């Protein structure tokens, strides 16, 4: 049975991992987002309680 011979499948596995780690990963890690997240204000605004007229 040819599927039990590991030599061609192991070479394909190693080659695909080398391509992934050398080409795809650096391109993905160098991606920059156009809108950088900004820090939100941690202070809570002072709110007055509502005085109902009734």
PDB file of N, CA and C in Angstrom:
ATOM      1  N   UNK A   1       0.850  -1.180   0.000  1.00  0.00           N
ATOM      2  CA  UNK A   1       0.000   0.000   0.000  1.00  0.00           C
ATOM      3  C   UNK A   1       0.894   1.240   0.000  1.00  0.00           C
ATOM      4  N   UNK A   2       0.710   2.146  -0.945  1.00  0.00           N
ATOM      5  CA  UNK A   2       1.634   3.278  -1.070  1.00  0.00           C
ATOM      6  C   UNK A   2       1.453   4.331   0.021  1.00  0.00           C
ATOM      7  N   UNK A   3       0.297   4.422   0.655  1.00  0.00           N
ATOM      8  CA  UNK A   3       0.110   5.451   1.675  1.00  0.00           C
ATOM      9  C   UNK A   3       0.903   5.160   2.947  1.00  0.00           C
ATOM     10  N   UNK A   4       1.422   3.942   3.089  1.00  0.00           N
ATOM     11  CA  UNK A   4       2.214   3.614   4.265  1.00  0.00           C
ATOM     12  C   UNK A   4       3.689   3.967   4.102  1.00  0.00           C
ATOM     13  N   UNK A   5       4.094   4.378   2.914  1.00  0.00           N
ATOM     14  CA  UNK A   5       5.465   4.775   2.683  1.00  0.00           C
ATOM     15  C   UNK A   5       5.615   6.231   3.142  1.00  0.00           C
ATOM     16  N   UNK A   6       6.353   6.516   4.230  1.00  0.00           N
ATOM     17  CA  UNK A   6       6.383   7.876   4.776  1.00  0.00           C
ATOM     18  C   UNK A   6       7.321   8.832   4.050  1.00  0.00           C
ATOM     19  N   UNK A   7       8.150   8.358   3.162  1.00  0.00           N
ATOM     20  CA  UNK A   7       9.157   9.244   2.588  1.00  0.00           C
ATOM     21  C   UNK A   7       8.573  10.394   1.766  1.00  0.00           C
ATOM     22  N   UNK A   8       7.616  10.210   0.842  1.00  0.00           N
ATOM     23  CA  UNK A   8       7.138  11.397   0.119  1.00  0.00           C
ATOM     24  C   UNK A   8       6.290  12.306   1.002  1.00  0.00           C
ATOM     25  N   UNK A   9       5.518  11.743   1.917  1.00  0.00           N
ATOM     26  CA  UNK A   9       4.641  12.562   2.741  1.00  0.00           C
ATOM     27  C   UNK A   9       5.437  13.345   3.777  1.00  0.00           C
ATOM     28  N   UNK A  10       6.508  12.753   4.277  1.00  0.00           N
ATOM     29  CA  UNK A  10       7.340  13.474   5.238  1.00  0.00           C
ATOM     30  C   UNK A  10       8.052  14.638   4.570  1.00  0.00           C
ATOM     31  N   UNK A  11       8.511  14.458   3.348  1.00  0.00           N
ATOM     32  CA  UNK A  11       9.172  15.545   2.616  1.00  0.00           C
ATOM     33  C   UNK A  11       8.185  16.668   2.325  1.00  0.00           C
ATOM     34  N   UNK A  12       6.958  16.327   1.967  1.00  0.00           N
ATOM     35  CA  UNK A  12       5.931  17.346   1.724  1.00  0.00           C
ATOM     36  C   UNK A  12       5.614  18.089   3.015  1.00  0.00           C
ATOM     37  N   UNK A  13       5.520  17.384   4.122  1.00  0.00           N
ATOM     38  CA  UNK A  13       5.253  18.014   5.419  1.00  0.00           C
ATOM     39  C   UNK A  13       6.372  18.975   5.805  1.00  0.00           C
ATOM     40  N   UNK A  14       7.606  18.551   5.673  1.00  0.00           N
ATOM     41  CA  UNK A  14       8.737  19.403   6.044  1.00  0.00           C
ATOM     42  C   UNK A  14       8.818  20.616   5.125  1.00  0.00           C
ATOM     43  N   UNK A  15       8.626  20.417   3.848  1.00  0.00           N
ATOM     44  CA  UNK A  15       8.690  21.537   2.911  1.00  0.00           C
ATOM     45  C   UNK A  15       7.575  22.544   3.170  1.00  0.00           C
ATOM     46  N   UNK A  16       6.369  22.063   3.443  1.00  0.00           N
ATOM     47  CA  UNK A  16       5.267  22.993   3.696  1.00  0.00           C
ATOM     48  C   UNK A  16       5.492  23.772   4.992  1.00  0.00           C
ATOM     49  N   UNK A  17       6.075  23.139   6.023  1.00  0.00           N
ATOM     50  CA  UNK A  17       6.377  23.874   7.246  1.00  0.00           C
ATOM     51  C   UNK A  17       7.481  24.894   7.031  1.00  0.00           C
ATOM     52  N   UNK A  18       8.461  24.557   6.211  1.00  0.00           N
ATOM     53  CA  UNK A  18       9.519  25.533   5.911  1.00  0.00           C
ATOM     54  C   UNK A  18       8.961  26.733   5.171  1.00  0.00           C
ATOM     55  N   UNK A  19       8.067  26.502   4.235  1.00  0.00           N
ATOM     56  CA  UNK A  19       7.436  27.612   3.517  1.00  0.00           C
ATOM     57  C   UNK A  19       6.611  28.450   4.484  1.00  0.00           C
ATOM     58  N   UNK A  20       5.868  27.807   5.350  1.00  0.00           N
ATOM     59  CA  UNK A  20       5.043  28.531   6.308  1.00  0.00           C
ATOM     60  C   UNK A  20       5.895  29.403   7.233  1.00  0.00           C
ATOM     61  N   UNK A  21       6.972  28.833   7.758  1.00  0.00           N
ATOM     62  CA  UNK A  21       7.778  29.562   8.735  1.00  0.00           C
ATOM     63  C   UNK A  21       8.671  30.620   8.114  1.00  0.00           C
ATOM     64  N   UNK A  22       9.076  30.460   6.869  1.00  0.00           N
ATOM     65  CA  UNK A  22      10.004  31.421   6.275  1.00  0.00           C
ATOM     66  C   UNK A  22       9.321  32.490   5.439  1.00  0.00           C
ATOM     67  N   UNK A  23       8.150  32.207   4.884  1.00  0.00           N
ATOM     68  CA  UNK A  23       7.494  33.177   3.996  1.00  0.00           C
ATOM     69  C   UNK A  23       6.214  33.739   4.603  1.00  0.00           C
ATOM     70  N   UNK A  24       5.342  32.877   5.044  1.00  0.00           N
ATOM     71  CA  UNK A  24       4.016  33.314   5.476  1.00  0.00           C
ATOM     72  C   UNK A  24       4.059  33.998   6.836  1.00  0.00           C
ATOM     73  N   UNK A  25       4.781  33.434   7.787  1.00  0.00           N
ATOM     74  CA  UNK A  25       4.787  34.001   9.142  1.00  0.00           C
ATOM     75  C   UNK A  25       5.400  35.396   9.208  1.00  0.00           C
ATOM     76  N   UNK A  26       6.541  35.697   8.593  1.00  0.00           N
ATOM     77  CA  UNK A  26       7.048  37.066   8.649  1.00  0.00           C
ATOM     78  C   UNK A  26       6.106  38.075   7.995  1.00  0.00           C
ATOM     79  N   UNK A  27       5.441  37.684   6.908  1.00  0.00           N
ATOM     80  CA  UNK A  27       4.492  38.601   6.284  1.00  0.00           C
ATOM     81  C   UNK A  27       3.308  38.876   7.212  1.00  0.00           C
ATOM     82  N   UNK A  28       2.864  37.852   7.913  1.00  0.00           N
ATOM     83  CA  UNK A  28       1.746  38.025   8.831  1.00  0.00           C
ATOM     84  C   UNK A  28       2.148  38.864  10.037  1.00  0.00           C
ATOM     85  N   UNK A  29       3.342  38.628  10.568  1.00  0.00           N
ATOM     86  CA  UNK A  29       3.769  39.351  11.761  1.00  0.00           C
ATOM     87  C   UNK A  29       4.122  40.805  11.467  1.00  0.00           C
ATOM     88  N   UNK A  30       4.466  41.137  10.234  1.00  0.00           N
ATOM     89  CA  UNK A  30       4.802  42.514   9.877  1.00  0.00           C
ATOM     90  C   UNK A  30       3.582  43.331   9.497  1.00  0.00           C
ATOM     91  N   UNK A  31       2.425  42.744   9.521  1.00  0.00           N
ATOM     92  CA  UNK A  31       1.203  43.455   9.156  1.00  0.00           C
ATOM     93  C   UNK A  31       0.908  44.541  10.185  1.00  0.00           C
ATOM     94  N   UNK A  32       0.635  45.738   9.704  1.00  0.00           N
ATOM     95  CA  UNK A  32       0.271  46.840  10.598  1.00  0.00           C
ATOM     96  C   UNK A  32      -1.178  47.232  10.331  1.00  0.00           C
ATOM     97  N   UNK A  33      -1.858  47.592  11.369  1.00  0.00           N
ATOM     98  CA  UNK A  33      -3.238  47.992  11.255  1.00  0.00           C
ATOM     99  C   UNK A  33      -3.309  49.491  10.971  1.00  0.00           C
ATOM    100  N   UNK A  34      -4.223  49.941  10.136  1.00  0.00           N
ATOM    101  CA  UNK A  34      -4.296  51.380   9.830  1.00  0.00           C
ATOM    102  C   UNK A  34      -4.756  52.218  11.020  1.00  0.00           C
ATOM    103  N   UNK A  35      -5.562  51.655  11.892  1.00  0.00           N
ATOM    104  CA  UNK A  35      -6.053  52.392  13.049  1.00  0.00           C
ATOM    105  C   UNK A  35      -5.463  51.759  14.303  1.00  0.00           C
ATOM    106  N   UNK A  36      -4.449  52.389  14.837  1.00  0.00           N
ATOM    107  CA  UNK A  36      -3.839  51.862  16.052  1.00  0.00           C
ATOM    108  C   UNK A  36      -4.777  52.090  17.230  1.00  0.00           C
ATOM    109  N   UNK A  37      -4.905  51.135  18.113  1.00  0.00           N
ATOM    110  CA  UNK A  37      -5.792  51.327  19.265  1.00  0.00           C
ATOM    111  C   UNK A  37      -5.232  52.387  20.203  1.00  0.00           C
ATOM    112  N   UNK A  38      -6.101  53.219  20.703  1.00  0.00           N
ATOM    113  CA  UNK A  38      -5.672  54.269  21.625  1.00  0.00           C
ATOM    114  C   UNK A  38      -6.091  53.890  23.039  1.00  0.00           C
ATOM    115  N   UNK A  39      -5.375  54.442  23.991  1.00  0.00           N
ATOM    116  CA  UNK A  39      -5.687  54.173  25.392  1.00  0.00           C
ATOM    117  C   UNK A  39      -6.916  54.964  25.802  1.00  0.00           C
ATOM    118  N   UNK A  40      -7.815  54.272  26.472  1.00  0.00           N
ATOM    119  CA  UNK A  40      -9.014  54.950  26.934  1.00  0.00           C
ATOM    120  C   UNK A  40      -8.736  55.619  28.274  1.00  0.00           C
ATOM    121  N   UNK A  41      -9.506  56.640  28.549  1.00  0.00           N
ATOM    122  CA  UNK A  41      -9.375  57.350  29.805  1.00  0.00           C
ATOM    123  C   UNK A  41      -9.882  56.463  30.936  1.00  0.00           C
ATOM    124  N   UNK A  42      -9.082  56.313  31.970  1.00  0.00           N
ATOM    125  CA  UNK A  42      -9.477  55.433  33.079  1.00  0.00           C
ATOM    126  C   UNK A  42     -10.272  56.179  34.143  1.00  0.00           C
ATOM    127  N   UNK A  43     -10.328  57.490  34.068  1.00  0.00           N
ATOM    128  CA  UNK A  43     -11.086  58.249  35.065  1.00  0.00           C
ATOM    129  C   UNK A  43     -12.570  58.197  34.717  1.00  0.00           C
ATOM    130  N   UNK A  44     -13.386  57.955  35.720  1.00  0.00           N
ATOM    131  CA  UNK A  44     -14.829  57.939  35.494  1.00  0.00           C
ATOM    132  C   UNK A  44     -15.363  59.366  35.619  1.00  0.00           C
ATOM    133  N   UNK A  45     -16.256  59.764  34.739  1.00  0.00           N
ATOM    134  CA  UNK A  45     -16.789  61.123  34.823  1.00  0.00           C
ATOM    135  C   UNK A  45     -17.707  61.273  36.037  1.00  0.00           C
ATOM    136  N   UNK A  46     -17.687  62.462  36.619  1.00  0.00           N
ATOM    137  CA  UNK A  46     -18.537  62.732  37.788  1.00  0.00           C
ATOM    138  C   UNK A  46     -19.945  63.019  37.296  1.00  0.00           C
ATOM    139  N   UNK A  47     -20.877  62.216  37.736  1.00  0.00           N
ATOM    140  CA  UNK A  47     -22.265  62.397  37.329  1.00  0.00           C
ATOM    141  C   UNK A  47     -23.102  62.771  38.542  1.00  0.00           C
ATOM    142  N   UNK A  48     -24.004  63.687  38.339  1.00  0.00           N
ATOM    143  CA  UNK A  48     -24.921  64.092  39.401  1.00  0.00           C
ATOM    144  C   UNK A  48     -26.184  63.228  39.342  1.00  0.00           C
ATOM    145  N   UNK A  49     -26.757  62.971  40.497  1.00  0.00           N
ATOM    146  CA  UNK A  49     -27.985  62.194  40.516  1.00  0.00           C
ATOM    147  C   UNK A  49     -29.135  63.040  39.978  1.00  0.00           C
ATOM    148  N   UNK A  50     -30.087  62.374  39.380  1.00  0.00           N
ATOM    149  CA  UNK A  50     -31.216  63.056  38.793  1.00  0.00           C
ATOM    150  C   UNK A  50     -32.233  63.380  39.877  1.00  0.00           C
ATOM    151  N   UNK A  51     -32.663  64.631  39.903  1.00  0.00           N
ATOM    152  CA  UNK A  51     -33.715  65.023  40.851  1.00  0.00           C
ATOM    153  C   UNK A  51     -35.037  65.090  40.084  1.00  0.00           C
ATOM    154  N   UNK A  52     -35.896  64.161  40.387  1.00  0.00           N
ATOM    155  CA  UNK A  52     -37.163  64.113  39.671  1.00  0.00           C
ATOM    156  C   UNK A  52     -38.108  65.165  40.230  1.00  0.00           C
ATOM    157  N   UNK A  53     -38.862  65.839  39.358  1.00  0.00           N
ATOM    158  CA  UNK A  53     -39.739  66.911  39.833  1.00  0.00           C
ATOM    159  C   UNK A  53     -41.047  66.417  40.449  1.00  0.00           C
ATOM    160  N   UNK A  54     -41.285  65.154  40.591  1.00  0.00           N
ATOM    161  CA  UNK A  54     -42.540  64.681  41.166  1.00  0.00           C
ATOM    162  C   UNK A  54     -42.319  63.832  42.335  1.00  0.00           C
TER     163      UNK A  54
END
